[in-house]
C-alpha atoms as a PDB file:
ATOM      1  CA  MET A   1      86.280 124.100  99.598  1.00  0.00           C
ATOM      2  CA  SER A   2      85.737 120.514 100.534  1.00  0.00           C
ATOM      3  CA  LEU A   3      86.137 117.815  97.932  1.00  0.00           C
ATOM      4  CA  LYS A   4      84.393 115.069  99.897  1.00  0.00           C
ATOM      5  CA  PHE A   5      81.898 114.458 102.671  1.00  0.00           C
ATOM      6  CA  THR A   6      80.659 111.459 104.614  1.00  0.00           C
ATOM      7  CA  HIS A   7      77.058 110.447 105.202  1.00  0.00           C
ATOM      8  CA  LYS A   8      76.321 107.367 107.329  1.00  0.00           C
ATOM      9  CA  ASP A   9      79.953 106.184 107.056  1.00  0.00           C
ATOM     10  CA  ILE A  10      80.029 106.380 103.232  1.00  0.00           C
ATOM     11  CA  GLU A  11      82.359 108.894 101.596  1.00  0.00           C
ATOM     12  CA  PHE A  12      81.160 110.919  98.600  1.00  0.00           C
ATOM     13  CA  ASN A  13      83.362 112.964  96.254  1.00  0.00           C
ATOM     14  CA  ILE A  14      82.858 115.687  93.680  1.00  0.00           C
ATOM     15  CA  GLY A  15      81.845 114.322  90.267  1.00  0.00           C
ATOM     16  CA  GLU A  16      80.184 111.139  91.483  1.00  0.00           C
ATOM     17  CA  THR A  17      76.705 110.193  90.341  1.00  0.00           C
ATOM     18  CA  VAL A  18      74.435 109.697  93.335  1.00  0.00           C
ATOM     19  CA  LYS A  19      70.798 108.951  94.116  1.00  0.00           C
ATOM     20  CA  VAL A  20      69.411 111.003  97.001  1.00  0.00           C
ATOM     21  CA  GLN A  21      66.238 109.750  98.690  1.00  0.00           C
ATOM     22  CA  TYR A  22      64.549 112.601 100.542  1.00  0.00           C
ATOM     23  CA  LYS A  23      61.287 112.789 102.456  1.00  0.00           C
ATOM     24  CA  ILE A  24      58.375 114.889 101.260  1.00  0.00           C
ATOM     25  CA  LYS A  25      55.512 115.690 103.597  1.00  0.00           C
ATOM     26  CA  GLU A  26      52.064 116.093 102.063  1.00  0.00           C
ATOM     27  CA  LYS A  27      49.374 116.939 104.610  1.00  0.00           C
ATOM     28  CA  ASP A  28      49.543 113.999 107.022  1.00  0.00           C
ATOM     29  CA  LYS A  29      51.538 111.576 104.836  1.00  0.00           C
ATOM     30  CA  GLU A  30      55.257 111.269 104.170  1.00  0.00           C
ATOM     31  CA  ARG A  31      56.817 109.715 101.102  1.00  0.00           C
ATOM     32  CA  LEU A  32      60.290 109.270  99.650  1.00  0.00           C
ATOM     33  CA  GLN A  33      61.304 110.872  96.386  1.00  0.00           C
ATOM     34  CA  ALA A  34      64.506 110.134  94.513  1.00  0.00           C
ATOM     35  CA  PHE A  35      66.760 112.736  92.922  1.00  0.00           C
ATOM     36  CA  ASP A  36      69.698 111.340  90.978  1.00  0.00           C
ATOM     37  CA  GLY A  37      72.477 113.347  89.406  1.00  0.00           C
ATOM     38  CA  ILE A  38      76.106 114.460  89.608  1.00  0.00           C
ATOM     39  CA  ILE A  39      77.571 116.144  92.683  1.00  0.00           C
ATOM     40  CA  MET A  40      78.750 119.537  91.379  1.00  0.00           C
ATOM     41  CA  ALA A  41      79.782 121.317  94.576  1.00  0.00           C
ATOM     42  CA  ILE A  42      80.243 120.794  98.293  1.00  0.00           C
ATOM     43  CA  THR A  43      80.092 123.892 100.489  1.00  0.00           C
ATOM     44  CA  GLY A  44      80.081 124.703 104.165  1.00  0.00           C
ATOM     45  CA  ARG A  45      81.690 123.180 107.236  1.00  0.00           C
ATOM     46  CA  GLY A  46      80.505 121.054 110.106  1.00  0.00           C
ATOM     47  CA  ASP A  47      76.747 121.079 110.556  1.00  0.00           C
ATOM     48  CA  ASN A  48      76.245 123.541 107.683  1.00  0.00           C
ATOM     49  CA  LEU A  49      77.660 121.193 105.036  1.00  0.00           C
ATOM     50  CA  THR A  50      75.615 121.170 101.824  1.00  0.00           C
ATOM     51  CA  PHE A  51      76.076 119.603  98.417  1.00  0.00           C
ATOM     52  CA  LEU A  52      74.717 120.585  95.025  1.00  0.00           C
ATOM     53  CA  VAL A  53      73.348 117.860  92.753  1.00  0.00           C
ATOM     54  CA  VAL A  54      72.494 118.500  89.102  1.00  0.00           C
ATOM     55  CA  LYS A  55      70.473 116.164  86.913  1.00  0.00           C
ATOM     56  CA  LYS A  56      69.798 116.372  83.231  1.00  0.00           C
ATOM     57  CA  ALA A  57      66.098 116.394  82.371  1.00  0.00           C
ATOM     58  CA  THR A  58      64.364 116.315  79.019  1.00  0.00           C
ATOM     59  CA  ASP A  59      65.205 118.737  76.187  1.00  0.00           C
ATOM     60  CA  ASN A  60      68.678 119.547  77.625  1.00  0.00           C
ATOM     61  CA  VAL A  61      67.187 121.182  80.694  1.00  0.00           C
ATOM     62  CA  SER A  62      69.183 120.631  83.854  1.00  0.00           C
ATOM     63  CA  VAL A  63      67.732 120.734  87.363  1.00  0.00           C
ATOM     64  CA  GLU A  64      69.924 121.705  90.310  1.00  0.00           C
ATOM     65  CA  ARG A  65      69.102 121.031  93.939  1.00  0.00           C
ATOM     66  CA  ILE A  66      70.998 121.762  97.151  1.00  0.00           C
ATOM     67  CA  PHE A  67      70.815 119.206  99.958  1.00  0.00           C
ATOM     68  CA  PRO A  68      72.028 119.707 103.522  1.00  0.00           C
ATOM     69  CA  VAL A  69      74.037 116.640 104.593  1.00  0.00           C
ATOM     70  CA  ASN A  70      72.765 116.595 108.177  1.00  0.00           C
ATOM     71  CA  SER A  71      69.110 117.221 107.354  1.00  0.00           C
ATOM     72  CA  PRO A  72      66.517 114.822 108.780  1.00  0.00           C
ATOM     73  CA  TRP A  73      64.688 115.047 105.434  1.00  0.00           C
ATOM     74  CA  VAL A  74      67.554 113.339 103.589  1.00  0.00           C
ATOM     75  CA  ASP A  75      66.842 109.644 104.071  1.00  0.00           C
ATOM     76  CA  SER A  76      69.706 108.042 102.171  1.00  0.00           C
ATOM     77  CA  ILE A  77      72.395 108.770  99.604  1.00  0.00           C
ATOM     78  CA  LYS A  78      73.551 105.977  97.298  1.00  0.00           C
ATOM     79  CA  LYS A  79      76.624 106.078  95.092  1.00  0.00           C
ATOM     80  CA  ILE A  80      75.732 105.011  91.551  1.00  0.00           C
ATOM     81  CA  ARG A  81      78.914 105.758  89.603  1.00  0.00           C
ATOM     82  CA  SER A  82      82.345 107.282  90.076  1.00  0.00           C
ATOM     83  CA  PRO A  83      83.830 109.686  87.517  1.00  0.00           C
ATOM     84  CA  LYS A  84      85.797 108.222  84.614  1.00  0.00           C
ATOM     85  CA  ARG A  85      88.781 110.459  85.301  1.00  0.00           C
ATOM     86  CA  LYS A  86      90.217 112.027  88.421  1.00  0.00           C
ATOM     87  CA  VAL A  87      88.402 115.276  89.196  1.00  0.00           C
ATOM     88  CA  ARG A  88      90.816 118.164  89.623  1.00  0.00           C
ATOM     89  CA  ARG A  89      88.328 120.910  90.474  1.00  0.00           C
ATOM     90  CA  SER A  90      86.499 121.709  93.694  1.00  0.00           C
ATOM     91  CA  LYS A  91      83.415 123.038  91.877  1.00  0.00           C
ATOM     92  CA  LEU A  92      82.161 121.590  88.579  1.00  0.00           C
ATOM     93  CA  TYR A  93      80.147 124.601  87.447  1.00  0.00           C
ATOM     94  CA  PHE A  94      81.413 124.133  83.893  1.00  0.00           C
ATOM     95  CA  LEU A  95      78.932 121.216  83.602  1.00  0.00           C
ATOM     96  CA  ARG A  96      76.165 123.803  83.355  1.00  0.00           C
ATOM     97  CA  LYS A  97      77.219 124.544  79.789  1.00  0.00           C
ATOM     98  CA  GLU A  98      75.613 122.285  77.223  1.00  0.00           C
ATOM     99  CA  ARG A  99      78.861 121.731  75.339  1.00  0.00           C
ATOM    100  CA  ALA A 100      80.648 120.443  78.428  1.00  0.00           C
ATOM    101  CA  ARG A 101      78.083 117.681  78.956  1.00  0.00           C
ATOM    102  CA  SER A 102      78.208 116.500  75.360  1.00  0.00           C
ATOM    103  CA  LEU A 103      81.974 115.882  75.342  1.00  0.00           C
END
């Protein structure tokens, strides 16, 4: 039930909009792919710490992805925006509902 985690000396909180650059291996080449969205949940402790990022795609379809913090495939995490209000929940699963995003 963590509300924040650190990655390369930068602290990230629930509800922040982030851009995660992760490595994808295709045959003998590696490339970086970006995934930007809102941090909905942080779970685990120590080396097993993971965070769930959700992004809104076209036609009100949302895509969720879980990233391990200590994974060698996660290249960088950049903070884009902080939440407008103080977040008072440890998990923001209510953002899955379409009505919650439109408010």
